[in-house]
C-alpha atoms as a PDB file:
ATOM      1  CA  MET A   1      55.198 -31.451  -0.811  1.00  0.00           C
ATOM      2  CA  PRO A   2      54.323 -32.711  -4.276  1.00  0.00           C
ATOM      3  CA  PHE A   3      51.355 -31.371  -6.186  1.00  0.00           C
ATOM      4  CA  GLN A   4      48.263 -33.553  -5.764  1.00  0.00           C
ATOM      5  CA  TYR A   5      46.177 -32.634  -8.767  1.00  0.00           C
ATOM      6  CA  SER A   6      42.464 -33.350  -8.832  1.00  0.00           C
ATOM      7  CA  ASP A   7      40.388 -35.004 -11.433  1.00  0.00           C
ATOM      8  CA  SER A   8      38.865 -31.593 -12.205  1.00  0.00           C
ATOM      9  CA  GLU A   9      40.739 -29.846 -14.962  1.00  0.00           C
ATOM     10  CA  TYR A  10      39.232 -26.335 -14.721  1.00  0.00           C
ATOM     11  CA  ILE A  11      38.505 -23.672 -12.269  1.00  0.00           C
ATOM     12  CA  LYS A  12      36.170 -20.682 -12.897  1.00  0.00           C
ATOM     13  CA  LEU A  13      37.696 -17.286 -12.665  1.00  0.00           C
ATOM     14  CA  ASN A  14      35.217 -14.479 -12.745  1.00  0.00           C
ATOM     15  CA  ARG A  15      36.074 -11.160 -14.489  1.00  0.00           C
ATOM     16  CA  LYS A  16      35.146  -9.399 -11.377  1.00  0.00           C
ATOM     17  CA  ILE A  17      38.520 -10.284 -10.110  1.00  0.00           C
ATOM     18  CA  LEU A  18      39.721  -7.283 -12.113  1.00  0.00           C
ATOM     19  CA  ASN A  19      37.987  -5.151  -9.532  1.00  0.00           C
ATOM     20  CA  TRP A  20      39.208  -6.928  -6.485  1.00  0.00           C
ATOM     21  CA  GLU A  21      41.202  -4.842  -4.101  1.00  0.00           C
ATOM     22  CA  TRP A  22      44.270  -6.979  -4.270  1.00  0.00           C
ATOM     23  CA  TYR A  23      44.323  -7.395  -8.025  1.00  0.00           C
ATOM     24  CA  ASP A  24      46.991  -4.698  -8.397  1.00  0.00           C
ATOM     25  CA  ASP A  25      49.308  -6.542  -6.005  1.00  0.00           C
ATOM     26  CA  VAL A  26      51.178  -9.001  -8.079  1.00  0.00           C
ATOM     27  CA  ASN A  27      52.150 -11.422  -5.363  1.00  0.00           C
ATOM     28  CA  THR A  28      48.852 -11.525  -3.650  1.00  0.00           C
ATOM     29  CA  ARG A  29      46.924 -12.008  -7.046  1.00  0.00           C
ATOM     30  CA  LEU A  30      49.338 -14.694  -7.971  1.00  0.00           C
ATOM     31  CA  LEU A  31      49.107 -16.523  -4.632  1.00  0.00           C
ATOM     32  CA  PHE A  32      45.310 -16.480  -4.621  1.00  0.00           C
ATOM     33  CA  ILE A  33      44.961 -17.796  -8.229  1.00  0.00           C
ATOM     34  CA  HIS A  34      47.565 -20.390  -7.198  1.00  0.00           C
ATOM     35  CA  CYS A  35      45.378 -21.335  -4.097  1.00  0.00           C
ATOM     36  CA  LEU A  36      42.261 -21.636  -6.397  1.00  0.00           C
ATOM     37  CA  LEU A  37      44.163 -23.974  -8.788  1.00  0.00           C
ATOM     38  CA  ARG A  38      45.630 -26.232  -5.733  1.00  0.00           C
ATOM     39  CA  ALA A  39      42.206 -26.515  -3.823  1.00  0.00           C
ATOM     40  CA  ASN A  40      40.630 -29.855  -3.773  1.00  0.00           C
ATOM     41  CA  TRP A  41      37.397 -29.814  -5.852  1.00  0.00           C
ATOM     42  CA  MET A  42      35.919 -32.707  -3.677  1.00  0.00           C
ATOM     43  CA  GLU A  43      36.243 -33.851  -0.151  1.00  0.00           C
ATOM     44  CA  THR A  44      39.303 -36.021   0.535  1.00  0.00           C
ATOM     45  CA  SER A  45      41.654 -37.065   3.216  1.00  0.00           C
ATOM     46  CA  TRP A  46      45.316 -37.246   3.552  1.00  0.00           C
ATOM     47  CA  HIS A  47      47.175 -39.083   6.433  1.00  0.00           C
ATOM     48  CA  GLY A  48      43.965 -39.139   8.434  1.00  0.00           C
ATOM     49  CA  VAL A  49      43.213 -35.363   7.944  1.00  0.00           C
ATOM     50  CA  LYS A  50      39.924 -34.600   6.268  1.00  0.00           C
ATOM     51  CA  LEU A  51      39.909 -31.815   3.673  1.00  0.00           C
ATOM     52  CA  LYS A  52      36.839 -30.213   2.396  1.00  0.00           C
ATOM     53  CA  ARG A  53      36.224 -28.921  -1.108  1.00  0.00           C
ATOM     54  CA  GLY A  54      38.333 -25.665  -1.446  1.00  0.00           C
ATOM     55  CA  GLU A  55      40.934 -26.849   0.945  1.00  0.00           C
ATOM     56  CA  PHE A  56      44.517 -28.137   0.432  1.00  0.00           C
ATOM     57  CA  ILE A  57      47.584 -29.015   2.427  1.00  0.00           C
ATOM     58  CA  THR A  58      50.775 -27.045   1.816  1.00  0.00           C
ATOM     59  CA  SER A  59      53.556 -25.064   3.608  1.00  0.00           C
ATOM     60  CA  LEU A  60      55.042 -21.546   3.121  1.00  0.00           C
ATOM     61  CA  ALA A  61      58.048 -23.190   1.651  1.00  0.00           C
ATOM     62  CA  SER A  62      56.162 -25.232  -0.781  1.00  0.00           C
ATOM     63  CA  LEU A  63      54.033 -22.270  -1.850  1.00  0.00           C
ATOM     64  CA  ALA A  64      57.156 -20.200  -2.288  1.00  0.00           C
ATOM     65  CA  GLU A  65      58.651 -22.904  -4.470  1.00  0.00           C
ATOM     66  CA  GLU A  66      55.557 -23.392  -6.536  1.00  0.00           C
ATOM     67  CA  THR A  67      55.021 -19.702  -7.253  1.00  0.00           C
ATOM     68  CA  ASN A  68      58.636 -18.569  -7.365  1.00  0.00           C
ATOM     69  CA  LEU A  69      57.986 -16.034  -4.703  1.00  0.00           C
ATOM     70  CA  SER A  70      60.037 -15.697  -1.521  1.00  0.00           C
ATOM     71  CA  VAL A  71      58.720 -17.264   1.753  1.00  0.00           C
ATOM     72  CA  ARG A  72      58.433 -13.603   3.026  1.00  0.00           C
ATOM     73  CA  ASN A  73      56.407 -12.620   0.053  1.00  0.00           C
ATOM     74  CA  VAL A  74      54.144 -15.556   0.444  1.00  0.00           C
ATOM     75  CA  ARG A  75      53.621 -14.855   4.064  1.00  0.00           C
ATOM     76  CA  THR A  76      52.717 -11.211   3.182  1.00  0.00           C
ATOM     77  CA  ALA A  77      50.310 -12.121   0.472  1.00  0.00           C
ATOM     78  CA  LEU A  78      48.770 -14.759   2.698  1.00  0.00           C
ATOM     79  CA  LYS A  79      48.241 -12.078   5.334  1.00  0.00           C
ATOM     80  CA  HIS A  80      46.547 -10.039   2.763  1.00  0.00           C
ATOM     81  CA  LEU A  81      44.276 -12.752   1.531  1.00  0.00           C
ATOM     82  CA  LYS A  82      43.312 -13.749   5.271  1.00  0.00           C
ATOM     83  CA  ALA A  83      42.726 -10.126   6.316  1.00  0.00           C
ATOM     84  CA  THR A  84      40.259  -9.545   3.662  1.00  0.00           C
ATOM     85  CA  GLY A  85      38.482 -12.963   3.960  1.00  0.00           C
ATOM     86  CA  GLU A  86      39.531 -14.784   0.741  1.00  0.00           C
ATOM     87  CA  VAL A  87      41.257 -17.549   2.649  1.00  0.00           C
ATOM     88  CA  THR A  88      41.746 -19.069   6.103  1.00  0.00           C
ATOM     89  CA  SER A  89      44.795 -20.945   7.267  1.00  0.00           C
ATOM     90  CA  ARG A  90      45.260 -23.610   9.918  1.00  0.00           C
ATOM     91  CA  LYS A  91      48.850 -24.440  11.120  1.00  0.00           C
ATOM     92  CA  TYR A  92      49.909 -27.857  12.060  1.00  0.00           C
ATOM     93  CA  ALA A  93      53.354 -29.106  13.126  1.00  0.00           C
ATOM     94  CA  LYS A  94      54.658 -29.879   9.665  1.00  0.00           C
ATOM     95  CA  PHE A  95      52.057 -28.374   7.120  1.00  0.00           C
ATOM     96  CA  ARG A  96      49.182 -25.982   7.060  1.00  0.00           C
ATOM     97  CA  ILE A  97      45.841 -26.292   5.604  1.00  0.00           C
ATOM     98  CA  ILE A  98      44.473 -23.415   3.477  1.00  0.00           C
ATOM     99  CA  SER A  99      40.821 -23.028   2.923  1.00  0.00           C
ATOM    100  CA  ILE A 100      39.370 -20.899   0.109  1.00  0.00           C
ATOM    101  CA  LYS A 101      36.336 -19.145   1.648  1.00  0.00           C
ATOM    102  CA  ASN A 102      33.306 -19.119  -0.708  1.00  0.00           C
ATOM    103  CA  TRP A 103      34.809 -21.942  -2.753  1.00  0.00           C
ATOM    104  CA  ASP A 104      31.411 -23.271  -3.666  1.00  0.00           C
ATOM    105  CA  LEU A 105      30.098 -19.914  -4.637  1.00  0.00           C
ATOM    106  CA  TYR A 106      33.305 -19.176  -6.878  1.00  0.00           C
ATOM    107  CA  GLN A 107      33.035 -22.700  -8.397  1.00  0.00           C
ATOM    108  CA  GLN A 108      29.236 -23.286  -8.633  1.00  0.00           C
ATOM    109  CA  SER A 109      27.763 -24.632 -11.740  1.00  0.00           C
ATOM    110  CA  ASP A 110      25.588 -22.456 -13.944  1.00  0.00           C
END
């Protein structure tokens, strides 16, 4: 799936991420930051599927290609992120929707 960039050019990345339990795991850190960058900044829809802020449509193969990780490494990193509550993932027949939990908290305006 091709990238679908939003109109918003920036994300916030708090320095607290340095103390995050997965920060030392390069693949998990890379995938999480990639998910933050890919997530929609406003509600939208794609082919009749409604997407909230902090969600995006992808596949394991797409994530692997976009991050230069193997599908297996993406699957493991996604498992870490789901287990510790950073993301949720809903599978569909041809894609999945990844949701960043606490998106609004991470990206709130000062």
